[in-house]
């Protein structure tokens, strides 16, 4: 048995196979190390991307509100019919012979207390 072990140790095919396995193991460890090194950054980047998307949607909403308010300012400065309509609505004023109908929405139904 001793002769087969020494033959195995001197066999270049055995050492070549062992070297391939070791190179594969080292390459695998390097790849795993790189993945572990960069995974926190990838997670951070994903969180930052979500935050950016949220801020972009907030910006779009704010821009929409700004456009609405700028339009209202323009109408208040330039359109007398709009001013009249707003004033009559806010102050509950009406012209002679005009009848105003207001339809108020009903409050949401309250749950009735259950008897035990």
N, C-alpha and C. Protein backbone atom coordinates (compact mmCIF):
# COMPACT_ATOMS: atom_id res chain seq x y z
N UNK A 1 0.82 -1.19 0.00
CA UNK A 1 0.00 0.00 0.00
C UNK A 1 0.87 1.26 0.00
N UNK A 2 1.99 1.11 0.60
CA UNK A 2 2.90 2.24 0.65
C UNK A 2 3.38 2.63 -0.75
N UNK A 3 3.53 1.67 -1.58
CA UNK A 3 4.00 1.93 -2.94
C UNK A 3 2.95 2.70 -3.73
N UNK A 4 1.65 2.38 -3.51
CA UNK A 4 0.60 3.09 -4.24
C UNK A 4 0.47 4.54 -3.79
N UNK A 5 0.70 4.76 -2.49
CA UNK A 5 0.65 6.14 -1.99
C UNK A 5 1.80 6.97 -2.55
N UNK A 6 2.96 6.41 -2.59
CA UNK A 6 4.08 7.16 -3.13
C UNK A 6 3.92 7.35 -4.63
N UNK A 7 3.33 6.36 -5.29
CA UNK A 7 3.07 6.50 -6.72
C UNK A 7 2.07 7.62 -6.96
N UNK A 8 1.06 7.69 -6.11
CA UNK A 8 0.03 8.72 -6.23
C UNK A 8 0.63 10.11 -6.01
N UNK A 9 1.51 10.20 -5.05
CA UNK A 9 2.11 11.49 -4.74
C UNK A 9 3.04 11.96 -5.86
N UNK A 10 3.64 11.05 -6.54
CA UNK A 10 4.56 11.42 -7.62
C UNK A 10 3.84 11.57 -8.96
N UNK A 11 2.56 11.15 -9.04
CA UNK A 11 1.81 11.19 -10.29
C UNK A 11 1.45 12.64 -10.62
N UNK A 12 1.88 13.17 -11.78
CA UNK A 12 1.58 14.56 -12.13
C UNK A 12 0.09 14.80 -12.40
N UNK A 13 -0.65 13.82 -12.84
CA UNK A 13 -2.08 13.99 -13.09
C UNK A 13 -2.82 14.29 -11.78
N UNK A 14 -2.40 13.61 -10.70
CA UNK A 14 -3.01 13.86 -9.38
C UNK A 14 -2.78 15.31 -8.96
N UNK A 15 -1.54 15.76 -9.11
CA UNK A 15 -1.23 17.13 -8.71
C UNK A 15 -1.92 18.15 -9.61
N UNK A 16 -2.05 17.85 -10.88
CA UNK A 16 -2.77 18.76 -11.77
C UNK A 16 -4.24 18.86 -11.39
N UNK A 17 -4.84 17.74 -11.05
CA UNK A 17 -6.25 17.74 -10.62
C UNK A 17 -6.40 18.50 -9.31
N UNK A 18 -5.47 18.26 -8.39
CA UNK A 18 -5.51 18.96 -7.10
C UNK A 18 -5.32 20.46 -7.30
N UNK A 19 -4.44 20.84 -8.19
CA UNK A 19 -4.23 22.26 -8.49
C UNK A 19 -5.49 22.89 -9.08
N UNK A 20 -6.15 22.17 -9.98
CA UNK A 20 -7.40 22.69 -10.56
C UNK A 20 -8.46 22.91 -9.48
N UNK A 21 -8.57 21.95 -8.58
CA UNK A 21 -9.55 22.07 -7.49
C UNK A 21 -9.21 23.27 -6.61
N UNK A 22 -7.92 23.42 -6.29
CA UNK A 22 -7.51 24.55 -5.45
C UNK A 22 -7.75 25.89 -6.16
N UNK A 23 -7.44 25.96 -7.43
CA UNK A 23 -7.68 27.19 -8.20
C UNK A 23 -9.16 27.49 -8.24
N UNK A 24 -9.99 26.48 -8.44
CA UNK A 24 -11.44 26.67 -8.44
C UNK A 24 -11.93 27.15 -7.08
N UNK A 25 -11.39 26.55 -6.02
CA UNK A 25 -11.77 26.98 -4.67
C UNK A 25 -11.36 28.42 -4.41
N UNK A 26 -10.15 28.78 -4.80
CA UNK A 26 -9.68 30.16 -4.60
C UNK A 26 -10.52 31.14 -5.41
N UNK A 27 -10.83 30.80 -6.65
CA UNK A 27 -11.66 31.68 -7.48
C UNK A 27 -13.05 31.83 -6.87
N UNK A 28 -13.61 30.74 -6.36
CA UNK A 28 -14.92 30.80 -5.70
C UNK A 28 -14.88 31.69 -4.48
N UNK A 29 -13.84 31.55 -3.69
CA UNK A 29 -13.69 32.40 -2.50
C UNK A 29 -13.55 33.87 -2.87
N UNK A 30 -12.83 34.15 -3.94
CA UNK A 30 -12.68 35.54 -4.38
C UNK A 30 -14.03 36.10 -4.83
N UNK A 31 -14.78 35.32 -5.60
CA UNK A 31 -16.10 35.77 -6.06
C UNK A 31 -17.03 36.00 -4.86
N UNK A 32 -17.03 35.07 -3.92
CA UNK A 32 -17.87 35.24 -2.72
C UNK A 32 -17.43 36.47 -1.94
N UNK A 33 -16.13 36.68 -1.83
CA UNK A 33 -15.62 37.86 -1.12
C UNK A 33 -16.05 39.16 -1.78
N UNK A 34 -15.99 39.19 -3.10
CA UNK A 34 -16.41 40.40 -3.83
C UNK A 34 -17.90 40.64 -3.64
N UNK A 35 -18.69 39.57 -3.72
CA UNK A 35 -20.14 39.72 -3.53
C UNK A 35 -20.44 40.23 -2.12
N UNK A 36 -19.78 39.66 -1.12
CA UNK A 36 -19.99 40.12 0.26
C UNK A 36 -19.49 41.54 0.46
N UNK A 37 -18.44 41.92 -0.25
CA UNK A 37 -17.89 43.26 -0.13
C UNK A 37 -18.86 44.30 -0.70
N UNK A 38 -19.50 43.99 -1.85
CA UNK A 38 -20.34 44.96 -2.52
C UNK A 38 -21.82 44.85 -2.19
N UNK A 39 -22.25 43.81 -1.52
CA UNK A 39 -23.69 43.67 -1.24
C UNK A 39 -24.26 44.80 -0.38
N UNK A 40 -23.55 45.29 0.65
CA UNK A 40 -24.12 46.43 1.39
C UNK A 40 -24.30 47.67 0.50
N UNK A 41 -23.38 47.87 -0.42
CA UNK A 41 -23.50 49.01 -1.33
C UNK A 41 -24.67 48.84 -2.28
N UNK A 42 -24.89 47.61 -2.72
CA UNK A 42 -26.03 47.35 -3.61
C UNK A 42 -27.35 47.58 -2.86
N UNK A 43 -27.41 47.14 -1.62
CA UNK A 43 -28.61 47.36 -0.81
C UNK A 43 -28.82 48.86 -0.59
N UNK A 44 -27.74 49.57 -0.28
CA UNK A 44 -27.82 51.02 -0.08
C UNK A 44 -28.26 51.72 -1.36
N UNK A 45 -27.75 51.27 -2.49
CA UNK A 45 -28.13 51.87 -3.77
C UNK A 45 -29.61 51.65 -4.06
N UNK A 46 -30.10 50.45 -3.76
CA UNK A 46 -31.51 50.16 -3.97
C UNK A 46 -32.39 51.06 -3.09
N UNK A 47 -31.99 51.25 -1.83
CA UNK A 47 -32.74 52.13 -0.92
C UNK A 47 -32.71 53.58 -1.43
N UNK A 48 -31.56 54.00 -1.92
CA UNK A 48 -31.45 55.36 -2.44
C UNK A 48 -32.30 55.54 -3.69
N UNK A 49 -32.39 54.51 -4.50
CA UNK A 49 -33.22 54.56 -5.70
C UNK A 49 -34.69 54.69 -5.33
N UNK A 50 -35.12 53.94 -4.32
CA UNK A 50 -36.51 54.06 -3.85
C UNK A 50 -36.77 55.46 -3.32
N UNK A 51 -35.82 55.98 -2.56
CA UNK A 51 -35.96 57.33 -2.00
C UNK A 51 -36.03 58.36 -3.12
N UNK A 52 -35.22 58.20 -4.15
CA UNK A 52 -35.23 59.11 -5.29
C UNK A 52 -36.58 59.07 -6.00
N UNK A 53 -37.11 57.87 -6.21
CA UNK A 53 -38.42 57.75 -6.85
C UNK A 53 -39.51 58.43 -6.02
N UNK A 54 -39.44 58.26 -4.71
CA UNK A 54 -40.41 58.91 -3.82
C UNK A 54 -40.29 60.43 -3.91
N UNK A 55 -39.08 60.92 -3.90
CA UNK A 55 -38.89 62.37 -3.98
C UNK A 55 -39.31 62.91 -5.34
N UNK A 56 -39.10 62.14 -6.42
CA UNK A 56 -39.56 62.58 -7.74
C UNK A 56 -41.07 62.67 -7.78
N UNK A 57 -41.76 61.71 -7.17
CA UNK A 57 -43.22 61.78 -7.16
C UNK A 57 -43.70 62.96 -6.32
N UNK A 58 -43.03 63.22 -5.20
CA UNK A 58 -43.39 64.39 -4.39
C UNK A 58 -43.15 65.68 -5.17
N UNK A 59 -42.05 65.74 -5.90
CA UNK A 59 -41.75 66.91 -6.72
C UNK A 59 -42.82 67.12 -7.79
N UNK A 60 -43.24 66.03 -8.43
CA UNK A 60 -44.28 66.14 -9.46
C UNK A 60 -45.59 66.65 -8.84
N UNK A 61 -45.92 66.16 -7.64
CA UNK A 61 -47.14 66.62 -6.97
C UNK A 61 -47.02 68.11 -6.62
N UNK A 62 -45.86 68.52 -6.14
CA UNK A 62 -45.65 69.92 -5.80
C UNK A 62 -45.69 70.81 -7.03
N UNK A 63 -45.15 70.33 -8.14
CA UNK A 63 -45.20 71.12 -9.37
C UNK A 63 -46.63 71.25 -9.88
N UNK A 64 -47.41 70.20 -9.74
CA UNK A 64 -48.82 70.25 -10.13
C UNK A 64 -49.57 71.26 -9.27
N UNK A 65 -49.31 71.25 -7.96
CA UNK A 65 -49.93 72.21 -7.06
C UNK A 65 -49.50 73.64 -7.41
N UNK A 66 -48.23 73.82 -7.73
CA UNK A 66 -47.73 75.14 -8.11
C UNK A 66 -48.43 75.64 -9.37
N UNK A 67 -48.56 74.77 -10.37
CA UNK A 67 -49.25 75.18 -11.61
C UNK A 67 -50.70 75.56 -11.32
N UNK A 68 -51.36 74.80 -10.45
CA UNK A 68 -52.76 75.10 -10.10
C UNK A 68 -52.87 76.46 -9.42
N UNK A 69 -51.95 76.71 -8.50
CA UNK A 69 -52.00 78.00 -7.78
C UNK A 69 -51.61 79.17 -8.69
N UNK A 70 -50.65 78.94 -9.58
CA UNK A 70 -50.29 80.01 -10.52
C UNK A 70 -51.47 80.33 -11.44
N UNK A 71 -52.20 79.30 -11.85
CA UNK A 71 -53.38 79.52 -12.70
C UNK A 71 -54.44 80.31 -11.93
N UNK A 72 -54.63 79.95 -10.65
CA UNK A 72 -55.62 80.66 -9.85
C UNK A 72 -55.21 82.13 -9.66
N UNK A 73 -53.93 82.38 -9.42
CA UNK A 73 -53.44 83.76 -9.28
C UNK A 73 -53.68 84.52 -10.57
N UNK A 74 -53.37 83.89 -11.70
CA UNK A 74 -53.59 84.54 -12.99
C UNK A 74 -55.07 84.88 -13.18
N UNK A 75 -55.96 83.93 -12.85
CA UNK A 75 -57.38 84.19 -13.00
C UNK A 75 -57.86 85.28 -12.05
N UNK A 76 -57.34 85.31 -10.83
CA UNK A 76 -57.73 86.35 -9.87
C UNK A 76 -57.25 87.73 -10.32
N UNK A 77 -56.11 87.77 -10.98
CA UNK A 77 -55.59 89.06 -11.43
C UNK A 77 -56.25 89.53 -12.73
N UNK A 78 -56.71 88.62 -13.57
CA UNK A 78 -57.13 89.01 -14.91
C UNK A 78 -58.58 88.72 -15.27
N UNK A 79 -59.25 87.84 -14.57
CA UNK A 79 -60.59 87.43 -14.97
C UNK A 79 -61.62 87.89 -13.94
N UNK A 80 -62.38 88.91 -14.30
CA UNK A 80 -63.38 89.44 -13.36
C UNK A 80 -64.53 88.46 -13.14
N UNK A 81 -64.89 87.70 -14.15
CA UNK A 81 -65.96 86.72 -13.99
C UNK A 81 -65.56 85.65 -12.96
N UNK A 82 -64.30 85.24 -12.97
CA UNK A 82 -63.81 84.27 -12.00
C UNK A 82 -63.84 84.85 -10.59
N UNK A 83 -63.42 86.11 -10.46
CA UNK A 83 -63.45 86.78 -9.15
C UNK A 83 -64.88 86.85 -8.64
N UNK A 84 -65.81 87.19 -9.52
CA UNK A 84 -67.22 87.28 -9.13
C UNK A 84 -67.73 85.91 -8.69
N UNK A 85 -67.39 84.89 -9.43
CA UNK A 85 -67.86 83.54 -9.09
C UNK A 85 -67.30 83.10 -7.73
N UNK A 86 -66.04 83.33 -7.49
CA UNK A 86 -65.42 82.94 -6.21
C UNK A 86 -66.03 83.74 -5.07
N UNK A 87 -66.19 85.04 -5.26
CA UNK A 87 -66.74 85.89 -4.20
C UNK A 87 -68.17 85.48 -3.88
N UNK A 88 -68.97 85.21 -4.89
CA UNK A 88 -70.36 84.82 -4.65
C UNK A 88 -70.42 83.47 -3.95
N UNK A 89 -69.51 82.58 -4.28
CA UNK A 89 -69.50 81.27 -3.65
C UNK A 89 -69.06 81.36 -2.19
N UNK A 90 -68.00 82.11 -1.92
CA UNK A 90 -67.48 82.21 -0.56
C UNK A 90 -68.38 83.03 0.36
N UNK A 91 -69.00 84.08 -0.18
CA UNK A 91 -69.81 84.98 0.64
C UNK A 91 -71.30 84.65 0.59
N UNK A 92 -71.66 83.63 -0.16
CA UNK A 92 -73.06 83.22 -0.31
C UNK A 92 -73.92 84.38 -0.80
N UNK A 93 -73.43 85.09 -1.80
CA UNK A 93 -74.19 86.18 -2.40
C UNK A 93 -74.88 85.68 -3.66
N UNK A 94 -76.00 86.34 -4.01
CA UNK A 94 -76.68 85.97 -5.25
C UNK A 94 -77.24 87.22 -5.91
N UNK A 95 -77.47 87.10 -7.20
CA UNK A 95 -78.05 88.20 -7.95
C UNK A 95 -79.56 88.18 -7.76
N UNK A 96 -80.21 89.31 -8.15
CA UNK A 96 -81.68 89.36 -8.04
C UNK A 96 -82.30 88.31 -8.94
N UNK A 97 -83.29 87.61 -8.40
CA UNK A 97 -84.01 86.61 -9.17
C UNK A 97 -83.27 85.29 -9.30
N UNK A 98 -82.13 85.18 -8.70
CA UNK A 98 -81.34 83.96 -8.80
C UNK A 98 -81.60 83.10 -7.57
N UNK A 99 -81.69 81.82 -7.78
CA UNK A 99 -81.88 80.89 -6.68
C UNK A 99 -80.64 80.00 -6.61
N UNK A 100 -80.10 79.83 -5.42
CA UNK A 100 -78.90 79.02 -5.22
C UNK A 100 -79.30 77.71 -4.56
N UNK A 101 -78.88 76.64 -5.13
CA UNK A 101 -79.09 75.32 -4.55
C UNK A 101 -77.74 74.77 -4.13
N UNK A 102 -77.64 74.40 -2.88
CA UNK A 102 -76.39 73.81 -2.37
C UNK A 102 -76.67 72.36 -2.01
N UNK A 103 -75.83 71.50 -2.50
CA UNK A 103 -75.94 70.08 -2.19
C UNK A 103 -74.73 69.70 -1.36
N UNK A 104 -74.97 69.54 -0.08
CA UNK A 104 -73.88 69.15 0.81
C UNK A 104 -73.83 67.64 0.88
N UNK A 105 -72.64 67.11 0.89
CA UNK A 105 -72.51 65.65 0.99
C UNK A 105 -72.80 65.23 2.43
N UNK A 106 -73.35 64.06 2.57
CA UNK A 106 -73.66 63.54 3.89
C UNK A 106 -72.39 63.06 4.56
N UNK A 107 -72.34 63.22 5.89
CA UNK A 107 -71.15 62.72 6.59
C UNK A 107 -71.16 61.19 6.53
N UNK A 108 -70.01 60.58 6.63
CA UNK A 108 -69.97 59.12 6.59
C UNK A 108 -70.76 58.53 7.75
N UNK A 109 -71.44 57.42 7.53
CA UNK A 109 -72.25 56.84 8.60
C UNK A 109 -71.38 56.37 9.76
N UNK A 110 -71.85 56.65 10.94
CA UNK A 110 -71.15 56.23 12.15
C UNK A 110 -71.62 54.83 12.51
N UNK A 111 -70.69 53.98 12.92
CA UNK A 111 -71.13 52.64 13.32
C UNK A 111 -71.97 52.72 14.58
N UNK A 112 -73.08 52.00 14.56
CA UNK A 112 -73.95 52.03 15.74
C UNK A 112 -73.36 51.17 16.83
N UNK A 113 -73.50 51.63 18.08
CA UNK A 113 -72.96 50.82 19.17
C UNK A 113 -73.74 49.53 19.30
N UNK A 114 -73.03 48.43 19.43
CA UNK A 114 -73.69 47.14 19.54
C UNK A 114 -74.04 46.86 20.99
N UNK A 115 -75.21 46.28 21.15
CA UNK A 115 -75.63 45.92 22.50
C UNK A 115 -75.18 44.50 22.79
N UNK A 116 -74.71 44.32 23.99
CA UNK A 116 -74.23 42.98 24.38
C UNK A 116 -75.31 42.19 25.07
